Amino acid sequence: MVTLPILGLVTPKEAFVGFSSNAVISIIAVIIIGAGL
């Protein structure tokens, strides 16, 4: 995540877009639901 934008292979915004992705938020929610169960 840190090296790719330094090398210019992705933009800084693209480097951290994973934290706002649908997949990451879904996984966090699934883990919380599982803990509740």
PDB file of all heavy atoms in Angstrom:
ATOM      1  N   MET A   1       0.819  -1.196   0.000  1.00  0.00           N
ATOM      2  CA  MET A   1       0.000   0.000   0.000  1.00  0.00           C
ATOM      3  C   MET A   1       0.867   1.266   0.000  1.00  0.00           C
ATOM      4  O   MET A   1       0.507   2.280  -0.604  1.00  0.00           O
ATOM      5  CB  MET A   1      -0.922  -0.018   1.231  1.00  0.00           C
ATOM      6  CG  MET A   1      -1.939   1.089   1.315  1.00  0.00           C
ATOM      7  SD  MET A   1      -3.182   0.742   2.593  1.00  0.00           S
ATOM      8  CE  MET A   1      -2.169   0.343   4.013  1.00  0.00           C
ATOM      9  N   VAL A   2       2.039   1.213   0.639  1.00  0.00           N
ATOM     10  CA  VAL A   2       2.917   2.371   0.722  1.00  0.00           C
ATOM     11  C   VAL A   2       3.851   2.446  -0.486  1.00  0.00           C
ATOM     12  O   VAL A   2       4.120   3.535  -1.024  1.00  0.00           O
ATOM     13  CB  VAL A   2       3.731   2.310   2.033  1.00  0.00           C
ATOM     14  CG1 VAL A   2       4.805   3.398   2.048  1.00  0.00           C
ATOM     15  CG2 VAL A   2       2.819   2.452   3.242  1.00  0.00           C
ATOM     16  N   THR A   3       4.349   1.292  -0.927  1.00  0.00           N
ATOM     17  CA  THR A   3       5.367   1.277  -1.981  1.00  0.00           C
ATOM     18  C   THR A   3       4.791   1.588  -3.357  1.00  0.00           C
ATOM     19  O   THR A   3       5.427   2.289  -4.163  1.00  0.00           O
ATOM     20  CB  THR A   3       6.069  -0.095  -2.018  1.00  0.00           C
ATOM     21  OG1 THR A   3       6.575  -0.404  -0.723  1.00  0.00           O
ATOM     22  CG2 THR A   3       7.222  -0.098  -3.017  1.00  0.00           C
ATOM     23  N   LEU A   4       3.596   1.084  -3.653  1.00  0.00           N
ATOM     24  CA  LEU A   4       3.022   1.276  -4.989  1.00  0.00           C
ATOM     25  C   LEU A   4       2.858   2.742  -5.372  1.00  0.00           C
ATOM     26  O   LEU A   4       3.228   3.129  -6.492  1.00  0.00           O
ATOM     27  CB  LEU A   4       1.684   0.530  -5.083  1.00  0.00           C
ATOM     28  CG  LEU A   4       1.782  -0.999  -5.133  1.00  0.00           C
ATOM     29  CD1 LEU A   4       0.399  -1.621  -4.989  1.00  0.00           C
ATOM     30  CD2 LEU A   4       2.442  -1.462  -6.422  1.00  0.00           C
ATOM     31  N   PRO A   5       2.329   3.621  -4.512  1.00  0.00           N
ATOM     32  CA  PRO A   5       2.255   5.039  -4.913  1.00  0.00           C
ATOM     33  C   PRO A   5       3.631   5.702  -5.001  1.00  0.00           C
ATOM     34  O   PRO A   5       3.822   6.617  -5.808  1.00  0.00           O
ATOM     35  CB  PRO A   5       1.390   5.674  -3.823  1.00  0.00           C
ATOM     36  CG  PRO A   5       1.500   4.766  -2.661  1.00  0.00           C
ATOM     37  CD  PRO A   5       1.656   3.390  -3.224  1.00  0.00           C
ATOM     38  N   ILE A   6       4.582   5.242  -4.174  1.00  0.00           N
ATOM     39  CA  ILE A   6       5.934   5.804  -4.256  1.00  0.00           C
ATOM     40  C   ILE A   6       6.549   5.499  -5.616  1.00  0.00           C
ATOM     41  O   ILE A   6       7.237   6.339  -6.220  1.00  0.00           O
ATOM     42  CB  ILE A   6       6.817   5.248  -3.115  1.00  0.00           C
ATOM     43  CG1 ILE A   6       6.323   5.774  -1.764  1.00  0.00           C
ATOM     44  CG2 ILE A   6       8.285   5.617  -3.336  1.00  0.00           C
ATOM     45  CD1 ILE A   6       7.073   5.204  -0.572  1.00  0.00           C
ATOM     46  N   LEU A   7       6.272   4.315  -6.142  1.00  0.00           N
ATOM     47  CA  LEU A   7       6.786   3.925  -7.451  1.00  0.00           C
ATOM     48  C   LEU A   7       5.962   4.516  -8.588  1.00  0.00           C
ATOM     49  O   LEU A   7       6.311   4.327  -9.764  1.00  0.00           O
ATOM     50  CB  LEU A   7       6.810   2.391  -7.567  1.00  0.00           C
ATOM     51  CG  LEU A   7       7.766   1.657  -6.621  1.00  0.00           C
ATOM     52  CD1 LEU A   7       7.610   0.131  -6.778  1.00  0.00           C
ATOM     53  CD2 LEU A   7       9.210   2.074  -6.866  1.00  0.00           C
ATOM     54  N   GLY A   8       4.876   5.162  -8.261  1.00  0.00           N
ATOM     55  CA  GLY A   8       4.037   5.771  -9.280  1.00  0.00           C
ATOM     56  C   GLY A   8       3.126   4.802 -10.002  1.00  0.00           C
ATOM     57  O   GLY A   8       2.578   5.124 -11.063  1.00  0.00           O
ATOM     58  N   LEU A   9       2.930   3.614  -9.428  1.00  0.00           N
ATOM     59  CA  LEU A   9       2.087   2.599 -10.072  1.00  0.00           C
ATOM     60  C   LEU A   9       0.607   2.827  -9.773  1.00  0.00           C
ATOM     61  O   LEU A   9      -0.256   2.368 -10.522  1.00  0.00           O
ATOM     62  CB  LEU A   9       2.527   1.197  -9.626  1.00  0.00           C
ATOM     63  CG  LEU A   9       3.978   0.835  -9.989  1.00  0.00           C
ATOM     64  CD1 LEU A   9       4.351  -0.514  -9.393  1.00  0.00           C
ATOM     65  CD2 LEU A   9       4.163   0.817 -11.506  1.00  0.00           C
ATOM     66  N   VAL A  10       0.303   3.490  -8.671  1.00  0.00           N
ATOM     67  CA  VAL A  10      -1.063   3.910  -8.360  1.00  0.00           C
ATOM     68  C   VAL A  10      -0.983   5.303  -7.758  1.00  0.00           C
ATOM     69  O   VAL A  10       0.074   5.745  -7.298  1.00  0.00           O
ATOM     70  CB  VAL A  10      -1.765   2.957  -7.357  1.00  0.00           C
ATOM     71  CG1 VAL A  10      -1.934   1.561  -7.924  1.00  0.00           C
ATOM     72  CG2 VAL A  10      -1.003   2.907  -6.032  1.00  0.00           C
ATOM     73  N   THR A  11      -2.100   6.004  -7.735  1.00  0.00           N
ATOM     74  CA  THR A  11      -2.130   7.320  -7.101  1.00  0.00           C
ATOM     75  C   THR A  11      -2.268   7.159  -5.588  1.00  0.00           C
ATOM     76  O   THR A  11      -2.705   6.096  -5.103  1.00  0.00           O
ATOM     77  CB  THR A  11      -3.317   8.145  -7.625  1.00  0.00           C
ATOM     78  OG1 THR A  11      -4.539   7.519  -7.194  1.00  0.00           O
ATOM     79  CG2 THR A  11      -3.286   8.228  -9.142  1.00  0.00           C
ATOM     80  N   PRO A  12      -1.887   8.176  -4.808  1.00  0.00           N
ATOM     81  CA  PRO A  12      -2.069   8.075  -3.346  1.00  0.00           C
ATOM     82  C   PRO A  12      -3.516   7.777  -2.951  1.00  0.00           C
ATOM     83  O   PRO A  12      -3.767   7.043  -1.997  1.00  0.00           O
ATOM     84  CB  PRO A  12      -1.621   9.457  -2.857  1.00  0.00           C
ATOM     85  CG  PRO A  12      -0.643   9.914  -3.890  1.00  0.00           C
ATOM     86  CD  PRO A  12      -1.166   9.390  -5.192  1.00  0.00           C
ATOM     87  N   LYS A  13      -4.463   8.348  -3.672  1.00  0.00           N
ATOM     88  CA  LYS A  13      -5.878   8.079  -3.364  1.00  0.00           C
ATOM     89  C   LYS A  13      -6.211   6.615  -3.615  1.00  0.00           C
ATOM     90  O   LYS A  13      -6.918   5.975  -2.817  1.00  0.00           O
ATOM     91  CB  LYS A  13      -6.769   8.979  -4.211  1.00  0.00           C
ATOM     92  CG  LYS A  13      -8.249   8.825  -3.915  1.00  0.00           C
ATOM     93  CD  LYS A  13      -9.088   9.800  -4.743  1.00  0.00           C
ATOM     94  CE  LYS A  13     -10.569   9.651  -4.418  1.00  0.00           C
ATOM     95  NZ  LYS A  13     -11.395  10.600  -5.206  1.00  0.00           N
ATOM     96  N   GLU A  14      -5.717   6.058  -4.718  1.00  0.00           N
ATOM     97  CA  GLU A  14      -5.966   4.647  -5.030  1.00  0.00           C
ATOM     98  C   GLU A  14      -5.292   3.738  -4.010  1.00  0.00           C
ATOM     99  O   GLU A  14      -5.782   2.640  -3.729  1.00  0.00           O
ATOM    100  CB  GLU A  14      -5.467   4.330  -6.434  1.00  0.00           C
ATOM    101  CG  GLU A  14      -6.294   4.956  -7.548  1.00  0.00           C
ATOM    102  CD  GLU A  14      -5.644   4.800  -8.905  1.00  0.00           C
ATOM    103  OE1 GLU A  14      -4.397   4.685  -8.964  1.00  0.00           O
ATOM    104  OE2 GLU A  14      -6.383   4.811  -9.912  1.00  0.00           O
ATOM    105  N   ALA A  15      -4.183   4.183  -3.438  1.00  0.00           N
ATOM    106  CA  ALA A  15      -3.456   3.353  -2.477  1.00  0.00           C
ATOM    107  C   ALA A  15      -4.277   3.083  -1.221  1.00  0.00           C
ATOM    108  O   ALA A  15      -4.146   2.016  -0.603  1.00  0.00           O
ATOM    109  CB  ALA A  15      -2.140   4.028  -2.098  1.00  0.00           C
ATOM    110  N   PHE A  16      -5.126   4.035  -0.832  1.00  0.00           N
ATOM    111  CA  PHE A  16      -5.885   3.881   0.417  1.00  0.00           C
ATOM    112  C   PHE A  16      -7.379   3.692   0.179  1.00  0.00           C
ATOM    113  O   PHE A  16      -8.162   3.733   1.127  1.00  0.00           O
ATOM    114  CB  PHE A  16      -5.648   5.104   1.317  1.00  0.00           C
ATOM    115  CG  PHE A  16      -4.217   5.266   1.727  1.00  0.00           C
ATOM    116  CD1 PHE A  16      -3.396   6.186   1.096  1.00  0.00           C
ATOM    117  CD2 PHE A  16      -3.677   4.475   2.723  1.00  0.00           C
ATOM    118  CE1 PHE A  16      -2.073   6.325   1.466  1.00  0.00           C
ATOM    119  CE2 PHE A  16      -2.352   4.610   3.102  1.00  0.00           C
ATOM    120  CZ  PHE A  16      -1.539   5.536   2.466  1.00  0.00           C
ATOM    121  N   VAL A  17      -7.775   3.480  -1.069  1.00  0.00           N
ATOM    122  CA  VAL A  17      -9.191   3.325  -1.372  1.00  0.00           C
ATOM    123  C   VAL A  17      -9.760   2.040  -0.775  1.00  0.00           C
ATOM    124  O   VAL A  17     -10.975   1.913  -0.582  1.00  0.00           O
ATOM    125  CB  VAL A  17      -9.412   3.354  -2.910  1.00  0.00           C
ATOM    126  CG1 VAL A  17      -8.920   2.057  -3.550  1.00  0.00           C
ATOM    127  CG2 VAL A  17     -10.871   3.620  -3.242  1.00  0.00           C
ATOM    128  N   GLY A  18      -8.891   1.088  -0.464  1.00  0.00           N
ATOM    129  CA  GLY A  18      -9.358  -0.178   0.103  1.00  0.00           C
ATOM    130  C   GLY A  18     -10.112  -0.023   1.402  1.00  0.00           C
ATOM    131  O   GLY A  18     -11.039  -0.786   1.696  1.00  0.00           O
ATOM    132  N   PHE A  19      -9.735   0.988   2.205  1.00  0.00           N
ATOM    133  CA  PHE A  19     -10.388   1.161   3.509  1.00  0.00           C
ATOM    134  C   PHE A  19     -11.825   1.648   3.382  1.00  0.00           C
ATOM    135  O   PHE A  19     -12.591   1.574   4.344  1.00  0.00           O
ATOM    136  CB  PHE A  19      -9.588   2.146   4.365  1.00  0.00           C
ATOM    137  CG  PHE A  19      -8.290   1.585   4.855  1.00  0.00           C
ATOM    138  CD1 PHE A  19      -7.094   1.999   4.299  1.00  0.00           C
ATOM    139  CD2 PHE A  19      -8.256   0.627   5.851  1.00  0.00           C
ATOM    140  CE1 PHE A  19      -5.888   1.483   4.744  1.00  0.00           C
ATOM    141  CE2 PHE A  19      -7.067   0.101   6.295  1.00  0.00           C
ATOM    142  CZ  PHE A  19      -5.867   0.533   5.741  1.00  0.00           C
ATOM    143  N   SER A  20     -12.191   2.170   2.226  1.00  0.00           N
ATOM    144  CA  SER A  20     -13.566   2.612   2.024  1.00  0.00           C
ATOM    145  C   SER A  20     -14.322   1.691   1.068  1.00  0.00           C
ATOM    146  O   SER A  20     -15.433   2.009   0.657  1.00  0.00           O
ATOM    147  CB  SER A  20     -13.579   4.042   1.458  1.00  0.00           C
ATOM    148  OG  SER A  20     -12.934   4.078   0.190  1.00  0.00           O
ATOM    149  N   SER A  21     -13.735   0.562   0.756  1.00  0.00           N
ATOM    150  CA  SER A  21     -14.350  -0.320  -0.234  1.00  0.00           C
ATOM    151  C   SER A  21     -15.529  -1.077   0.356  1.00  0.00           C
ATOM    152  O   SER A  21     -15.618  -1.308   1.572  1.00  0.00           O
ATOM    153  CB  SER A  21     -13.320  -1.318  -0.771  1.00  0.00           C
ATOM    154  OG  SER A  21     -12.994  -2.273   0.213  1.00  0.00           O
ATOM    155  N   ASN A  22     -16.420  -1.472  -0.497  1.00  0.00           N
ATOM    156  CA  ASN A  22     -17.586  -2.254  -0.109  1.00  0.00           C
ATOM    157  C   ASN A  22     -17.169  -3.560   0.561  1.00  0.00           C
ATOM    158  O   ASN A  22     -17.776  -4.008   1.538  1.00  0.00           O
ATOM    159  CB  ASN A  22     -18.441  -2.532  -1.350  1.00  0.00           C
ATOM    160  CG  ASN A  22     -19.658  -3.372  -1.039  1.00  0.00           C
ATOM    161  OD1 ASN A  22     -20.452  -3.023  -0.185  1.00  0.00           O
ATOM    162  ND2 ASN A  22     -19.792  -4.494  -1.735  1.00  0.00           N
ATOM    163  N   ALA A  23     -16.107  -4.170   0.037  1.00  0.00           N
ATOM    164  CA  ALA A  23     -15.660  -5.461   0.558  1.00  0.00           C
ATOM    165  C   ALA A  23     -15.169  -5.348   1.992  1.00  0.00           C
ATOM    166  O   ALA A  23     -15.522  -6.169   2.857  1.00  0.00           O
ATOM    167  CB  ALA A  23     -14.557  -6.033  -0.338  1.00  0.00           C
ATOM    168  N   VAL A  24     -14.345  -4.343   2.279  1.00  0.00           N
ATOM    169  CA  VAL A  24     -13.779  -4.189   3.618  1.00  0.00           C
ATOM    170  C   VAL A  24     -14.878  -3.907   4.642  1.00  0.00           C
ATOM    171  O   VAL A  24     -14.915  -4.515   5.719  1.00  0.00           O
ATOM    172  CB  VAL A  24     -12.722  -3.064   3.623  1.00  0.00           C
ATOM    173  CG1 VAL A  24     -12.318  -2.716   5.052  1.00  0.00           C
ATOM    174  CG2 VAL A  24     -11.501  -3.489   2.826  1.00  0.00           C
ATOM    175  N   ILE A  25     -15.780  -2.996   4.317  1.00  0.00           N
ATOM    176  CA  ILE A  25     -16.878  -2.675   5.237  1.00  0.00           C
ATOM    177  C   ILE A  25     -17.767  -3.897   5.454  1.00  0.00           C
ATOM    178  O   ILE A  25     -18.233  -4.160   6.568  1.00  0.00           O
ATOM    179  CB  ILE A  25     -17.702  -1.490   4.704  1.00  0.00           C
ATOM    180  CG1 ILE A  25     -16.810  -0.261   4.513  1.00  0.00           C
ATOM    181  CG2 ILE A  25     -18.847  -1.168   5.660  1.00  0.00           C
ATOM    182  CD1 ILE A  25     -16.101   0.187   5.772  1.00  0.00           C
ATOM    183  N   SER A  26     -18.000  -4.677   4.405  1.00  0.00           N
ATOM    184  CA  SER A  26     -18.829  -5.877   4.527  1.00  0.00           C
ATOM    185  C   SER A  26     -18.187  -6.888   5.467  1.00  0.00           C
ATOM    186  O   SER A  26     -18.872  -7.507   6.297  1.00  0.00           O
ATOM    187  CB  SER A  26     -19.046  -6.511   3.149  1.00  0.00           C
ATOM    188  OG  SER A  26     -19.754  -5.647   2.295  1.00  0.00           O
ATOM    189  N   ILE A  27     -16.883  -7.073   5.339  1.00  0.00           N
ATOM    190  CA  ILE A  27     -16.193  -8.031   6.197  1.00  0.00           C
ATOM    191  C   ILE A  27     -16.241  -7.580   7.651  1.00  0.00           C
ATOM    192  O   ILE A  27     -16.478  -8.387   8.572  1.00  0.00           O
ATOM    193  CB  ILE A  27     -14.737  -8.213   5.712  1.00  0.00           C
ATOM    194  CG1 ILE A  27     -14.730  -8.973   4.383  1.00  0.00           C
ATOM    195  CG2 ILE A  27     -13.909  -8.962   6.755  1.00  0.00           C
ATOM    196  CD1 ILE A  27     -13.370  -9.078   3.745  1.00  0.00           C
ATOM    197  N   ILE A  28     -16.031  -6.291   7.912  1.00  0.00           N
ATOM    198  CA  ILE A  28     -16.128  -5.775   9.287  1.00  0.00           C
ATOM    199  C   ILE A  28     -17.526  -6.048   9.853  1.00  0.00           C
ATOM    200  O   ILE A  28     -17.671  -6.514  10.993  1.00  0.00           O
ATOM    201  CB  ILE A  28     -15.824  -4.266   9.313  1.00  0.00           C
ATOM    202  CG1 ILE A  28     -14.352  -4.010   8.979  1.00  0.00           C
ATOM    203  CG2 ILE A  28     -16.171  -3.666  10.680  1.00  0.00           C
ATOM    204  CD1 ILE A  28     -13.998  -2.547   8.835  1.00  0.00           C
ATOM    205  N   ALA A  29     -18.558  -5.788   9.057  1.00  0.00           N
ATOM    206  CA  ALA A  29     -19.934  -5.995   9.525  1.00  0.00           C
ATOM    207  C   ALA A  29     -20.227  -7.460   9.787  1.00  0.00           C
ATOM    208  O   ALA A  29     -20.880  -7.807  10.785  1.00  0.00           O
ATOM    209  CB  ALA A  29     -20.914  -5.433   8.503  1.00  0.00           C
ATOM    210  N   VAL A  30     -19.755  -8.348   8.908  1.00  0.00           N
ATOM    211  CA  VAL A  30     -19.979  -9.787   9.088  1.00  0.00           C
ATOM    212  C   VAL A  30     -19.332 -10.267  10.384  1.00  0.00           C
ATOM    213  O   VAL A  30     -19.908 -11.068  11.134  1.00  0.00           O
ATOM    214  CB  VAL A  30     -19.432 -10.576   7.877  1.00  0.00           C
ATOM    215  CG1 VAL A  30     -19.339 -12.057   8.205  1.00  0.00           C
ATOM    216  CG2 VAL A  30     -20.335 -10.373   6.671  1.00  0.00           C
ATOM    217  N   ILE A  31     -18.126  -9.796  10.677  1.00  0.00           N
ATOM    218  CA  ILE A  31     -17.443 -10.199  11.902  1.00  0.00           C
ATOM    219  C   ILE A  31     -18.230  -9.743  13.134  1.00  0.00           C
ATOM    220  O   ILE A  31     -18.391 -10.490  14.109  1.00  0.00           O
ATOM    221  CB  ILE A  31     -16.014  -9.633  11.927  1.00  0.00           C
ATOM    222  CG1 ILE A  31     -15.170 -10.288  10.831  1.00  0.00           C
ATOM    223  CG2 ILE A  31     -15.365  -9.845  13.284  1.00  0.00           C
ATOM    224  CD1 ILE A  31     -13.784  -9.680  10.671  1.00  0.00           C
ATOM    225  N   ILE A  32     -18.760  -8.512  13.102  1.00  0.00           N
ATOM    226  CA  ILE A  32     -19.530  -7.996  14.241  1.00  0.00           C
ATOM    227  C   ILE A  32     -20.823  -8.787  14.414  1.00  0.00           C
ATOM    228  O   ILE A  32     -21.208  -9.151  15.536  1.00  0.00           O
ATOM    229  CB  ILE A  32     -19.825  -6.499  14.054  1.00  0.00           C
ATOM    230  CG1 ILE A  32     -18.521  -5.691  14.090  1.00  0.00           C
ATOM    231  CG2 ILE A  32     -20.788  -5.993  15.129  1.00  0.00           C
ATOM    232  CD1 ILE A  32     -18.684  -4.230  13.745  1.00  0.00           C
ATOM    233  N   ILE A  33     -21.496  -9.098  13.310  1.00  0.00           N
ATOM    234  CA  ILE A  33     -22.726  -9.895  13.387  1.00  0.00           C
ATOM    235  C   ILE A  33     -22.412 -11.286  13.962  1.00  0.00           C
ATOM    236  O   ILE A  33     -23.150 -11.811  14.808  1.00  0.00           O
ATOM    237  CB  ILE A  33     -23.375 -10.014  11.998  1.00  0.00           C
ATOM    238  CG1 ILE A  33     -23.966  -8.663  11.584  1.00  0.00           C
ATOM    239  CG2 ILE A  33     -24.467 -11.084  11.986  1.00  0.00           C
ATOM    240  CD1 ILE A  33     -24.488  -8.627  10.158  1.00  0.00           C
ATOM    241  N   GLY A  34     -21.323 -11.887  13.506  1.00  0.00           N
ATOM    242  CA  GLY A  34     -20.932 -13.193  14.033  1.00  0.00           C
ATOM    243  C   GLY A  34     -20.640 -13.149  15.519  1.00  0.00           C
ATOM    244  O   GLY A  34     -21.005 -14.062  16.268  1.00  0.00           O
ATOM    245  N   ALA A  35     -19.997 -12.071  15.973  1.00  0.00           N
ATOM    246  CA  ALA A  35     -19.719 -11.921  17.405  1.00  0.00           C
ATOM    247  C   ALA A  35     -21.014 -11.792  18.203  1.00  0.00           C
ATOM    248  O   ALA A  35     -21.132 -12.318  19.314  1.00  0.00           O
ATOM    249  CB  ALA A  35     -18.829 -10.705  17.641  1.00  0.00           C
ATOM    250  N   GLY A  36     -21.999 -11.092  17.635  1.00  0.00           N
ATOM    251  CA  GLY A  36     -23.284 -10.964  18.309  1.00  0.00           C
ATOM    252  C   GLY A  36     -24.001 -12.296  18.439  1.00  0.00           C
ATOM    253  O   GLY A  36     -24.572 -12.613  19.487  1.00  0.00           O
ATOM    254  N   LEU A  37     -23.976 -13.084  17.373  1.00  0.00           N
ATOM    255  CA  LEU A  37     -24.585 -14.421  17.423  1.00  0.00           C
ATOM    256  C   LEU A  37     -23.893 -15.294  18.458  1.00  0.00           C
ATOM    257  O   LEU A  37     -24.527 -16.071  19.174  1.00  0.00           O
ATOM    258  CB  LEU A  37     -24.520 -15.068  16.041  1.00  0.00           C
ATOM    259  CG  LEU A  37     -25.325 -14.394  14.927  1.00  0.00           C
ATOM    260  CD1 LEU A  37     -25.034 -15.053  13.590  1.00  0.00           C
ATOM    261  CD2 LEU A  37     -26.813 -14.452  15.230  1.00  0.00           C
TER     262      LEU A  37
END
